[in-house]
Amino acid sequence: VETDKPASPYCHPLCSYTVGEEVRISVTFDKPVEVTGEQIYLTMDVTDGISITDTTNRAVFLPEDSSPLQLMFLYTVGLHHTSHGNGLAYVCDDMNCSLGLDQAAAIRRASTTSKVEAKLALPPLPNRGIS
């Protein structure tokens, strides 16, 4: 999981991005995948208490910018979003460390034979956030 977005020059020294800034994030697979549906997201770790109904902390899927090996997401920095100085990261805990899919969405390994669900688990977070 990567982003090529540099720190904002308009931000005070303790933060990297400002409200409204957009950060493009890529998730790379080792084998080609096929995506159905567009309700795929990456939940960002930018709030103190994540509410199940709050979707402002999600990076949304960009199907037009994605390829079979790389899915692209867009996160827009929201008011009061913070990573507490740890760098921008996705939500990862003992119960969940993967891409989010609504019921109509699926990511499957691309194959000429029957489709197999792709492994959507993300790697454990590095100490410095998304690189």
C-alpha atoms as a PDB file:
ATOM      1  CA  VAL A   1       0.000   0.000   0.000  1.00  0.00           C
ATOM      2  CA  GLU A   2       1.605   3.222  -1.150  1.00  0.00           C
ATOM      3  CA  THR A   3       1.012   6.894  -1.830  1.00  0.00           C
ATOM      4  CA  ASP A   4       3.190   9.334  -3.753  1.00  0.00           C
ATOM      5  CA  LYS A   5       1.653  12.382  -2.072  1.00  0.00           C
ATOM      6  CA  PRO A   6       4.280  14.600  -0.356  1.00  0.00           C
ATOM      7  CA  ALA A   7       3.583  16.517   2.836  1.00  0.00           C
ATOM      8  CA  SER A   8       1.650  19.727   2.241  1.00  0.00           C
ATOM      9  CA  PRO A   9       3.726  22.931   2.207  1.00  0.00           C
ATOM     10  CA  TYR A  10       0.711  24.755   3.708  1.00  0.00           C
ATOM     11  CA  CYS A  11       0.471  22.701   6.871  1.00  0.00           C
ATOM     12  CA  HIS A  12       1.924  23.555  10.258  1.00  0.00           C
ATOM     13  CA  PRO A  13       4.978  21.475  11.296  1.00  0.00           C
ATOM     14  CA  LEU A  14       2.980  18.820  13.171  1.00  0.00           C
ATOM     15  CA  CYS A  15       0.803  17.626  10.286  1.00  0.00           C
ATOM     16  CA  SER A  16       1.265  16.418   6.743  1.00  0.00           C
ATOM     17  CA  TYR A  17      -2.019  17.159   4.987  1.00  0.00           C
ATOM     18  CA  THR A  18      -4.701  19.842   5.222  1.00  0.00           C
ATOM     19  CA  VAL A  19      -8.508  19.541   5.214  1.00  0.00           C
ATOM     20  CA  GLY A  20      -9.781  18.936   1.686  1.00  0.00           C
ATOM     21  CA  GLU A  21      -6.485  17.634   0.350  1.00  0.00           C
ATOM     22  CA  GLU A  22      -6.756  14.482  -1.736  1.00  0.00           C
ATOM     23  CA  VAL A  23      -4.348  11.577  -1.294  1.00  0.00           C
ATOM     24  CA  ARG A  24      -4.172   8.827  -3.916  1.00  0.00           C
ATOM     25  CA  ILE A  25      -3.357   5.404  -2.482  1.00  0.00           C
ATOM     26  CA  SER A  26      -2.473   2.250  -4.415  1.00  0.00           C
ATOM     27  CA  VAL A  27      -2.898  -1.369  -3.342  1.00  0.00           C
ATOM     28  CA  THR A  28      -0.751  -3.750  -5.369  1.00  0.00           C
ATOM     29  CA  PHE A  29      -1.533  -7.460  -5.840  1.00  0.00           C
ATOM     30  CA  ASP A  30       1.021 -10.141  -6.755  1.00  0.00           C
ATOM     31  CA  LYS A  31      -1.444 -11.748  -9.192  1.00  0.00           C
ATOM     32  CA  PRO A  32      -4.026 -10.061 -11.475  1.00  0.00           C
ATOM     33  CA  VAL A  33      -7.502  -9.513 -10.000  1.00  0.00           C
ATOM     34  CA  GLU A  34     -10.950  -8.766 -11.415  1.00  0.00           C
ATOM     35  CA  VAL A  35     -13.196  -6.301  -9.616  1.00  0.00           C
ATOM     36  CA  THR A  36     -16.990  -6.297  -9.740  1.00  0.00           C
ATOM     37  CA  GLY A  37     -18.932  -3.453  -8.201  1.00  0.00           C
ATOM     38  CA  GLU A  38     -17.549  -0.122  -7.077  1.00  0.00           C
ATOM     39  CA  GLN A  39     -18.264  -0.109  -3.338  1.00  0.00           C
ATOM     40  CA  ILE A  40     -14.713  -1.033  -2.380  1.00  0.00           C
ATOM     41  CA  TYR A  41     -12.889   1.068   0.172  1.00  0.00           C
ATOM     42  CA  LEU A  42      -9.919   1.371   2.453  1.00  0.00           C
ATOM     43  CA  THR A  43     -10.743   2.603   5.968  1.00  0.00           C
ATOM     44  CA  MET A  44      -8.161   5.135   7.074  1.00  0.00           C
ATOM     45  CA  ASP A  45      -6.989   5.368  10.689  1.00  0.00           C
ATOM     46  CA  VAL A  46      -7.644   9.094  11.095  1.00  0.00           C
ATOM     47  CA  THR A  47     -10.261   9.368  13.841  1.00  0.00           C
ATOM     48  CA  ASP A  48     -10.177   8.741  17.586  1.00  0.00           C
ATOM     49  CA  GLY A  49     -13.217   6.463  17.591  1.00  0.00           C
ATOM     50  CA  ILE A  50     -14.287   4.963  14.291  1.00  0.00           C
ATOM     51  CA  SER A  51     -18.027   4.785  13.892  1.00  0.00           C
ATOM     52  CA  ILE A  52     -19.437   2.069  11.649  1.00  0.00           C
ATOM     53  CA  THR A  53     -21.790   4.615  10.091  1.00  0.00           C
ATOM     54  CA  ASP A  54     -19.089   7.251   9.492  1.00  0.00           C
ATOM     55  CA  THR A  55     -17.702   6.903   5.981  1.00  0.00           C
ATOM     56  CA  THR A  56     -15.669  10.143   5.893  1.00  0.00           C
ATOM     57  CA  ASN A  57     -12.559   8.202   6.896  1.00  0.00           C
ATOM     58  CA  ARG A  58     -12.705   5.971   3.811  1.00  0.00           C
ATOM     59  CA  ALA A  59     -10.478   6.050   0.766  1.00  0.00           C
ATOM     60  CA  VAL A  60     -12.839   5.321  -2.153  1.00  0.00           C
ATOM     61  CA  PHE A  61     -12.074   2.988  -5.050  1.00  0.00           C
ATOM     62  CA  LEU A  62     -11.129   4.577  -8.402  1.00  0.00           C
ATOM     63  CA  PRO A  63     -12.008   1.942 -11.017  1.00  0.00           C
ATOM     64  CA  GLU A  64     -10.975   4.161 -13.958  1.00  0.00           C
ATOM     65  CA  ASP A  65      -7.448   4.522 -12.549  1.00  0.00           C
ATOM     66  CA  SER A  66      -7.010   0.883 -11.508  1.00  0.00           C
ATOM     67  CA  SER A  67      -5.430  -2.051 -13.314  1.00  0.00           C
ATOM     68  CA  PRO A  68      -5.542  -5.838 -12.769  1.00  0.00           C
ATOM     69  CA  LEU A  69      -2.431  -5.633 -10.560  1.00  0.00           C
ATOM     70  CA  GLN A  70      -3.026  -2.293  -8.847  1.00  0.00           C
ATOM     71  CA  LEU A  71      -6.203  -0.853  -7.321  1.00  0.00           C
ATOM     72  CA  MET A  72      -6.295   2.912  -6.808  1.00  0.00           C
ATOM     73  CA  PHE A  73      -8.113   4.716  -3.983  1.00  0.00           C
ATOM     74  CA  LEU A  74      -8.711   8.372  -3.138  1.00  0.00           C
ATOM     75  CA  TYR A  75      -8.803   9.666   0.420  1.00  0.00           C
ATOM     76  CA  THR A  76      -9.939  13.235   1.115  1.00  0.00           C
ATOM     77  CA  VAL A  77      -8.683  14.685   4.391  1.00  0.00           C
ATOM     78  CA  GLY A  78     -11.659  15.595   6.565  1.00  0.00           C
ATOM     79  CA  LEU A  79     -12.199  18.058   9.376  1.00  0.00           C
ATOM     80  CA  HIS A  80     -10.728  16.749  12.663  1.00  0.00           C
ATOM     81  CA  HIS A  81      -9.008  13.815  10.924  1.00  0.00           C
ATOM     82  CA  THR A  82      -5.679  13.061  12.554  1.00  0.00           C
ATOM     83  CA  SER A  83      -3.116  10.291  12.573  1.00  0.00           C
ATOM     84  CA  HIS A  84      -1.684  11.613  15.850  1.00  0.00           C
ATOM     85  CA  GLY A  85       1.746  12.092  14.276  1.00  0.00           C
ATOM     86  CA  ASN A  86       2.058   8.453  13.202  1.00  0.00           C
ATOM     87  CA  GLY A  87       1.715   9.029   9.450  1.00  0.00           C
ATOM     88  CA  LEU A  88      -1.266   8.214   7.263  1.00  0.00           C
ATOM     89  CA  ALA A  89      -2.340   4.595   7.762  1.00  0.00           C
ATOM     90  CA  TYR A  90      -5.294   2.277   7.181  1.00  0.00           C
ATOM     91  CA  VAL A  91      -7.256   0.659   9.993  1.00  0.00           C
ATOM     92  CA  CYS A  92      -5.638  -2.574  11.058  1.00  0.00           C
ATOM     93  CA  ASP A  93      -6.406  -4.482  14.234  1.00  0.00           C
ATOM     94  CA  ASP A  94      -6.535  -8.101  15.381  1.00  0.00           C
ATOM     95  CA  MET A  95      -9.995  -8.595  13.851  1.00  0.00           C
ATOM     96  CA  ASN A  96      -9.715  -6.704  10.540  1.00  0.00           C
ATOM     97  CA  CYS A  97      -6.837  -5.678   8.308  1.00  0.00           C
ATOM     98  CA  SER A  98      -8.233  -5.744   4.797  1.00  0.00           C
ATOM     99  CA  LEU A  99     -10.028  -3.861   2.053  1.00  0.00           C
ATOM    100  CA  GLY A 100     -13.701  -3.166   2.699  1.00  0.00           C
ATOM    101  CA  LEU A 101     -16.350  -4.513   0.320  1.00  0.00           C
ATOM    102  CA  ASP A 102     -20.071  -3.846   0.265  1.00  0.00           C
ATOM    103  CA  GLN A 103     -22.305  -6.847  -0.519  1.00  0.00           C
ATOM    104  CA  ALA A 104     -22.479  -6.146  -4.274  1.00  0.00           C
ATOM    105  CA  ALA A 105     -18.693  -5.891  -4.669  1.00  0.00           C
ATOM    106  CA  ALA A 106     -16.094  -8.621  -5.136  1.00  0.00           C
ATOM    107  CA  ILE A 107     -12.397  -8.906  -5.894  1.00  0.00           C
ATOM    108  CA  ARG A 108     -11.392 -12.222  -7.422  1.00  0.00           C
ATOM    109  CA  ARG A 109      -8.172 -13.574  -8.811  1.00  0.00           C
ATOM    110  CA  ALA A 110      -8.218 -13.267 -12.617  1.00  0.00           C
ATOM    111  CA  SER A 111      -8.141 -16.709 -14.190  1.00  0.00           C
ATOM    112  CA  THR A 112      -9.376 -18.642 -17.208  1.00  0.00           C
ATOM    113  CA  THR A 113     -10.771 -21.307 -14.888  1.00  0.00           C
ATOM    114  CA  SER A 114     -13.333 -20.788 -12.143  1.00  0.00           C
ATOM    115  CA  LYS A 115     -12.830 -17.612 -10.136  1.00  0.00           C
ATOM    116  CA  VAL A 116     -11.224 -17.734  -6.716  1.00  0.00           C
ATOM    117  CA  GLU A 117     -11.703 -14.998  -4.120  1.00  0.00           C
ATOM    118  CA  ALA A 118      -8.596 -12.820  -3.910  1.00  0.00           C
ATOM    119  CA  LYS A 119      -6.845 -12.534  -0.564  1.00  0.00           C
ATOM    120  CA  LEU A 120      -7.734  -9.047   0.634  1.00  0.00           C
ATOM    121  CA  ALA A 121      -5.695  -9.016   3.838  1.00  0.00           C
ATOM    122  CA  LEU A 122      -3.359  -6.048   3.954  1.00  0.00           C
ATOM    123  CA  PRO A 123       0.138  -6.272   5.385  1.00  0.00           C
ATOM    124  CA  PRO A 124       0.677  -5.238   9.007  1.00  0.00           C
ATOM    125  CA  LEU A 125       1.213  -1.523   9.374  1.00  0.00           C
ATOM    126  CA  PRO A 126       4.770  -0.191   9.397  1.00  0.00           C
ATOM    127  CA  ASN A 127       5.721   2.121  12.246  1.00  0.00           C
ATOM    128  CA  ARG A 128       5.672   5.202  10.017  1.00  0.00           C
ATOM    129  CA  GLY A 129       2.327   4.821   8.183  1.00  0.00           C
ATOM    130  CA  ILE A 130       1.758   4.261   4.469  1.00  0.00           C
ATOM    131  CA  SER A 131       4.932   4.748   2.453  1.00  0.00           C
END
